[in-house]
Amino acid sequence: MTDSELIKTKLDAIESYARLGAKTVLTLEETSIFTGLSKTYLYKLTCNHMIPHYKPNGRNLYFDKSELENWMRQNKVNVNEE
């Protein structure tokens, strides 16, 4: 891979992350990137109704970014005071 191809690849990745940051509704793949969870595990969570999600056409999964952030902040563990 040439230097210019490598630069283009990295710029494309930066652009996709910037688009992800601007979105409020995420696809399954975008949710996987956002949360760091695998798509398989996300499917399991949705199947068991353990994560907030939407299926407007009964097929594709969508997630609200703010709901995901709240979901990820659940069950806060308090620190021990020293």
N, C-alpha and C. Protein backbone atom coordinates (compact mmCIF):
# COMPACT_ATOMS: atom_id res chain seq x y z
N MET A 1 0.85 -1.17 0.00
CA MET A 1 0.00 0.00 0.00
C MET A 1 0.90 1.25 0.00
N THR A 2 0.63 2.15 -0.91
CA THR A 2 1.44 3.36 -1.01
C THR A 2 1.05 4.33 0.09
N ASP A 3 1.90 5.33 0.29
CA ASP A 3 1.63 6.34 1.31
C ASP A 3 0.32 7.08 1.04
N SER A 4 0.06 7.41 -0.22
CA SER A 4 -1.17 8.14 -0.53
C SER A 4 -2.40 7.28 -0.30
N GLU A 5 -2.32 5.97 -0.56
CA GLU A 5 -3.43 5.06 -0.29
C GLU A 5 -3.67 4.93 1.21
N LEU A 6 -2.59 4.88 1.97
CA LEU A 6 -2.70 4.79 3.42
C LEU A 6 -3.33 6.05 4.00
N ILE A 7 -2.91 7.20 3.49
CA ILE A 7 -3.48 8.47 3.95
C ILE A 7 -4.97 8.54 3.61
N LYS A 8 -5.33 8.12 2.41
CA LYS A 8 -6.74 8.13 2.01
C LYS A 8 -7.56 7.21 2.90
N THR A 9 -7.04 6.04 3.22
CA THR A 9 -7.74 5.10 4.08
C THR A 9 -7.97 5.70 5.46
N LYS A 10 -6.94 6.34 6.00
CA LYS A 10 -7.06 6.96 7.32
C LYS A 10 -8.03 8.14 7.30
N LEU A 11 -8.00 8.93 6.24
CA LEU A 11 -8.94 10.05 6.13
C LEU A 11 -10.38 9.56 6.01
N ASP A 12 -10.58 8.47 5.29
CA ASP A 12 -11.92 7.88 5.19
C ASP A 12 -12.42 7.43 6.55
N ALA A 13 -11.53 6.83 7.35
CA ALA A 13 -11.91 6.39 8.69
C ALA A 13 -12.26 7.59 9.57
N ILE A 14 -11.49 8.65 9.49
CA ILE A 14 -11.77 9.86 10.26
C ILE A 14 -13.11 10.44 9.85
N GLU A 15 -13.38 10.47 8.56
CA GLU A 15 -14.66 10.99 8.07
C GLU A 15 -15.84 10.17 8.58
N SER A 16 -15.70 8.85 8.59
CA SER A 16 -16.80 8.00 9.06
C SER A 16 -17.04 8.20 10.56
N TYR A 17 -15.98 8.38 11.35
CA TYR A 17 -16.15 8.64 12.78
C TYR A 17 -16.78 10.02 13.02
N ALA A 18 -16.43 10.98 12.20
CA ALA A 18 -17.04 12.31 12.32
C ALA A 18 -18.53 12.25 12.02
N ARG A 19 -18.92 11.51 10.99
CA ARG A 19 -20.34 11.33 10.67
C ARG A 19 -21.06 10.63 11.81
N LEU A 20 -20.42 9.63 12.40
CA LEU A 20 -21.00 8.90 13.52
C LEU A 20 -21.25 9.84 14.70
N GLY A 21 -20.33 10.75 14.94
CA GLY A 21 -20.49 11.69 16.04
C GLY A 21 -21.63 12.66 15.84
N ALA A 22 -21.98 12.94 14.61
CA ALA A 22 -23.04 13.91 14.31
C ALA A 22 -24.42 13.27 14.28
N LYS A 23 -24.51 11.96 14.20
CA LYS A 23 -25.80 11.28 14.09
C LYS A 23 -26.46 11.09 15.45
N THR A 24 -27.80 11.05 15.45
CA THR A 24 -28.53 10.77 16.69
C THR A 24 -29.17 9.39 16.66
N VAL A 25 -29.41 8.86 15.47
CA VAL A 25 -29.96 7.51 15.32
C VAL A 25 -28.91 6.66 14.61
N LEU A 26 -28.61 5.52 15.21
CA LEU A 26 -27.52 4.68 14.72
C LEU A 26 -28.02 3.33 14.23
N THR A 27 -27.34 2.79 13.23
CA THR A 27 -27.61 1.44 12.76
C THR A 27 -26.92 0.45 13.69
N LEU A 28 -27.14 -0.83 13.45
CA LEU A 28 -26.49 -1.86 14.26
C LEU A 28 -24.97 -1.75 14.17
N GLU A 29 -24.46 -1.59 12.97
CA GLU A 29 -23.01 -1.51 12.78
C GLU A 29 -22.43 -0.27 13.48
N GLU A 30 -23.12 0.85 13.34
CA GLU A 30 -22.66 2.08 13.99
C GLU A 30 -22.73 1.95 15.51
N THR A 31 -23.76 1.27 16.00
CA THR A 31 -23.90 1.04 17.44
C THR A 31 -22.77 0.16 17.95
N SER A 32 -22.37 -0.82 17.15
CA SER A 32 -21.25 -1.68 17.52
C SER A 32 -19.97 -0.86 17.67
N ILE A 33 -19.75 0.05 16.75
CA ILE A 33 -18.56 0.91 16.82
C ILE A 33 -18.67 1.85 18.02
N PHE A 34 -19.84 2.44 18.21
CA PHE A 34 -20.06 3.42 19.29
C PHE A 34 -19.89 2.80 20.67
N THR A 35 -20.43 1.60 20.87
CA THR A 35 -20.39 0.97 22.19
C THR A 35 -19.18 0.07 22.40
N GLY A 36 -18.58 -0.40 21.30
CA GLY A 36 -17.49 -1.34 21.42
C GLY A 36 -17.97 -2.77 21.60
N LEU A 37 -19.29 -2.99 21.47
CA LEU A 37 -19.85 -4.33 21.60
C LEU A 37 -19.97 -4.98 20.22
N SER A 38 -19.84 -6.28 20.17
CA SER A 38 -19.96 -6.97 18.89
C SER A 38 -21.41 -6.94 18.41
N LYS A 39 -21.59 -7.08 17.10
CA LYS A 39 -22.94 -7.12 16.54
C LYS A 39 -23.71 -8.32 17.07
N THR A 40 -23.02 -9.43 17.25
CA THR A 40 -23.66 -10.64 17.77
C THR A 40 -24.21 -10.40 19.18
N TYR A 41 -23.41 -9.75 20.02
CA TYR A 41 -23.84 -9.47 21.38
C TYR A 41 -25.00 -8.46 21.38
N LEU A 42 -24.94 -7.47 20.49
CA LEU A 42 -26.03 -6.51 20.39
C LEU A 42 -27.32 -7.21 19.97
N TYR A 43 -27.25 -8.17 19.04
CA TYR A 43 -28.42 -8.95 18.66
C TYR A 43 -29.00 -9.68 19.87
N LYS A 44 -28.12 -10.26 20.68
CA LYS A 44 -28.56 -10.98 21.88
C LYS A 44 -29.26 -10.03 22.84
N LEU A 45 -28.69 -8.84 23.03
CA LEU A 45 -29.30 -7.86 23.93
C LEU A 45 -30.67 -7.41 23.43
N THR A 46 -30.79 -7.19 22.13
CA THR A 46 -32.08 -6.76 21.59
C THR A 46 -33.11 -7.89 21.68
N CYS A 47 -32.68 -9.10 21.41
CA CYS A 47 -33.58 -10.25 21.46
C CYS A 47 -34.14 -10.45 22.87
N ASN A 48 -33.33 -10.17 23.88
CA ASN A 48 -33.74 -10.32 25.28
C ASN A 48 -34.30 -9.03 25.87
N HIS A 49 -34.50 -8.02 25.02
CA HIS A 49 -35.05 -6.72 25.44
C HIS A 49 -34.23 -6.10 26.58
N MET A 50 -32.92 -6.16 26.44
CA MET A 50 -32.02 -5.64 27.47
C MET A 50 -31.38 -4.32 27.06
N ILE A 51 -31.62 -3.86 25.84
CA ILE A 51 -31.05 -2.61 25.36
C ILE A 51 -32.15 -1.89 24.56
N PRO A 52 -32.28 -0.57 24.74
CA PRO A 52 -33.32 0.14 23.99
C PRO A 52 -33.01 0.17 22.49
N HIS A 53 -34.01 -0.17 21.69
CA HIS A 53 -33.81 -0.22 20.25
C HIS A 53 -35.14 -0.05 19.54
N TYR A 54 -35.07 0.14 18.23
CA TYR A 54 -36.25 0.35 17.41
C TYR A 54 -36.17 -0.53 16.17
N LYS A 55 -37.33 -1.02 15.73
CA LYS A 55 -37.45 -1.80 14.50
C LYS A 55 -38.64 -1.26 13.71
N PRO A 56 -38.47 -0.10 13.06
CA PRO A 56 -39.62 0.53 12.42
C PRO A 56 -40.26 -0.27 11.30
N ASN A 57 -39.49 -1.08 10.61
CA ASN A 57 -40.05 -1.88 9.52
C ASN A 57 -40.08 -3.36 9.87
N GLY A 58 -39.83 -3.65 11.15
CA GLY A 58 -39.84 -5.04 11.59
C GLY A 58 -38.61 -5.83 11.23
N ARG A 59 -37.63 -5.17 10.62
CA ARG A 59 -36.44 -5.90 10.18
C ARG A 59 -35.14 -5.23 10.64
N ASN A 60 -34.91 -4.00 10.24
CA ASN A 60 -33.67 -3.31 10.58
C ASN A 60 -33.72 -2.76 12.00
N LEU A 61 -32.58 -2.84 12.67
CA LEU A 61 -32.46 -2.33 14.04
C LEU A 61 -31.86 -0.93 14.01
N TYR A 62 -32.43 -0.06 14.84
CA TYR A 62 -31.91 1.28 15.02
C TYR A 62 -31.83 1.59 16.50
N PHE A 63 -30.90 2.46 16.85
CA PHE A 63 -30.67 2.80 18.24
C PHE A 63 -30.57 4.31 18.37
N ASP A 64 -31.17 4.85 19.43
CA ASP A 64 -31.06 6.27 19.73
C ASP A 64 -29.79 6.49 20.53
N LYS A 65 -28.95 7.38 20.07
CA LYS A 65 -27.63 7.57 20.68
C LYS A 65 -27.72 7.99 22.14
N SER A 66 -28.64 8.92 22.46
CA SER A 66 -28.76 9.37 23.85
C SER A 66 -29.27 8.25 24.75
N GLU A 67 -30.17 7.41 24.24
CA GLU A 67 -30.64 6.26 25.02
C GLU A 67 -29.51 5.27 25.26
N LEU A 68 -28.65 5.09 24.26
CA LEU A 68 -27.50 4.20 24.44
C LEU A 68 -26.56 4.74 25.51
N GLU A 69 -26.32 6.06 25.49
CA GLU A 69 -25.45 6.65 26.50
C GLU A 69 -26.03 6.45 27.90
N ASN A 70 -27.33 6.64 28.04
CA ASN A 70 -27.98 6.40 29.35
C ASN A 70 -27.89 4.94 29.74
N TRP A 71 -28.11 4.04 28.78
CA TRP A 71 -28.03 2.61 29.04
C TRP A 71 -26.63 2.22 29.50
N MET A 72 -25.60 2.79 28.87
CA MET A 72 -24.22 2.47 29.24
C MET A 72 -23.86 3.02 30.62
N ARG A 73 -24.59 4.03 31.08
CA ARG A 73 -24.31 4.62 32.39
C ARG A 73 -25.11 3.96 33.52
N GLN A 74 -25.82 2.89 33.24
CA GLN A 74 -26.60 2.19 34.26
C GLN A 74 -25.71 1.53 35.29
N ASN A 75 -26.29 1.29 36.43
CA ASN A 75 -25.66 0.50 37.49
C ASN A 75 -24.28 1.03 37.87
N LYS A 76 -24.26 2.31 38.16
CA LYS A 76 -22.99 2.93 38.56
C LYS A 76 -22.45 2.25 39.81
N VAL A 77 -21.17 1.99 39.79
CA VAL A 77 -20.49 1.40 40.93
C VAL A 77 -19.80 2.52 41.69
N ASN A 78 -20.17 2.68 42.95
CA ASN A 78 -19.56 3.73 43.76
C ASN A 78 -18.16 3.32 44.19
N VAL A 79 -17.29 4.29 44.29
CA VAL A 79 -15.91 4.02 44.71
C VAL A 79 -15.84 3.98 46.23
N ASN A 80 -14.88 3.23 46.73
CA ASN A 80 -14.66 3.19 48.18
C ASN A 80 -13.97 4.47 48.60
N GLU A 81 -14.46 5.07 49.64
CA GLU A 81 -13.81 6.28 50.14
C GLU A 81 -12.61 5.85 50.99
N GLU A 82 -11.51 6.53 50.73
CA GLU A 82 -10.28 6.17 51.45
C GLU A 82 -10.13 6.99 52.70
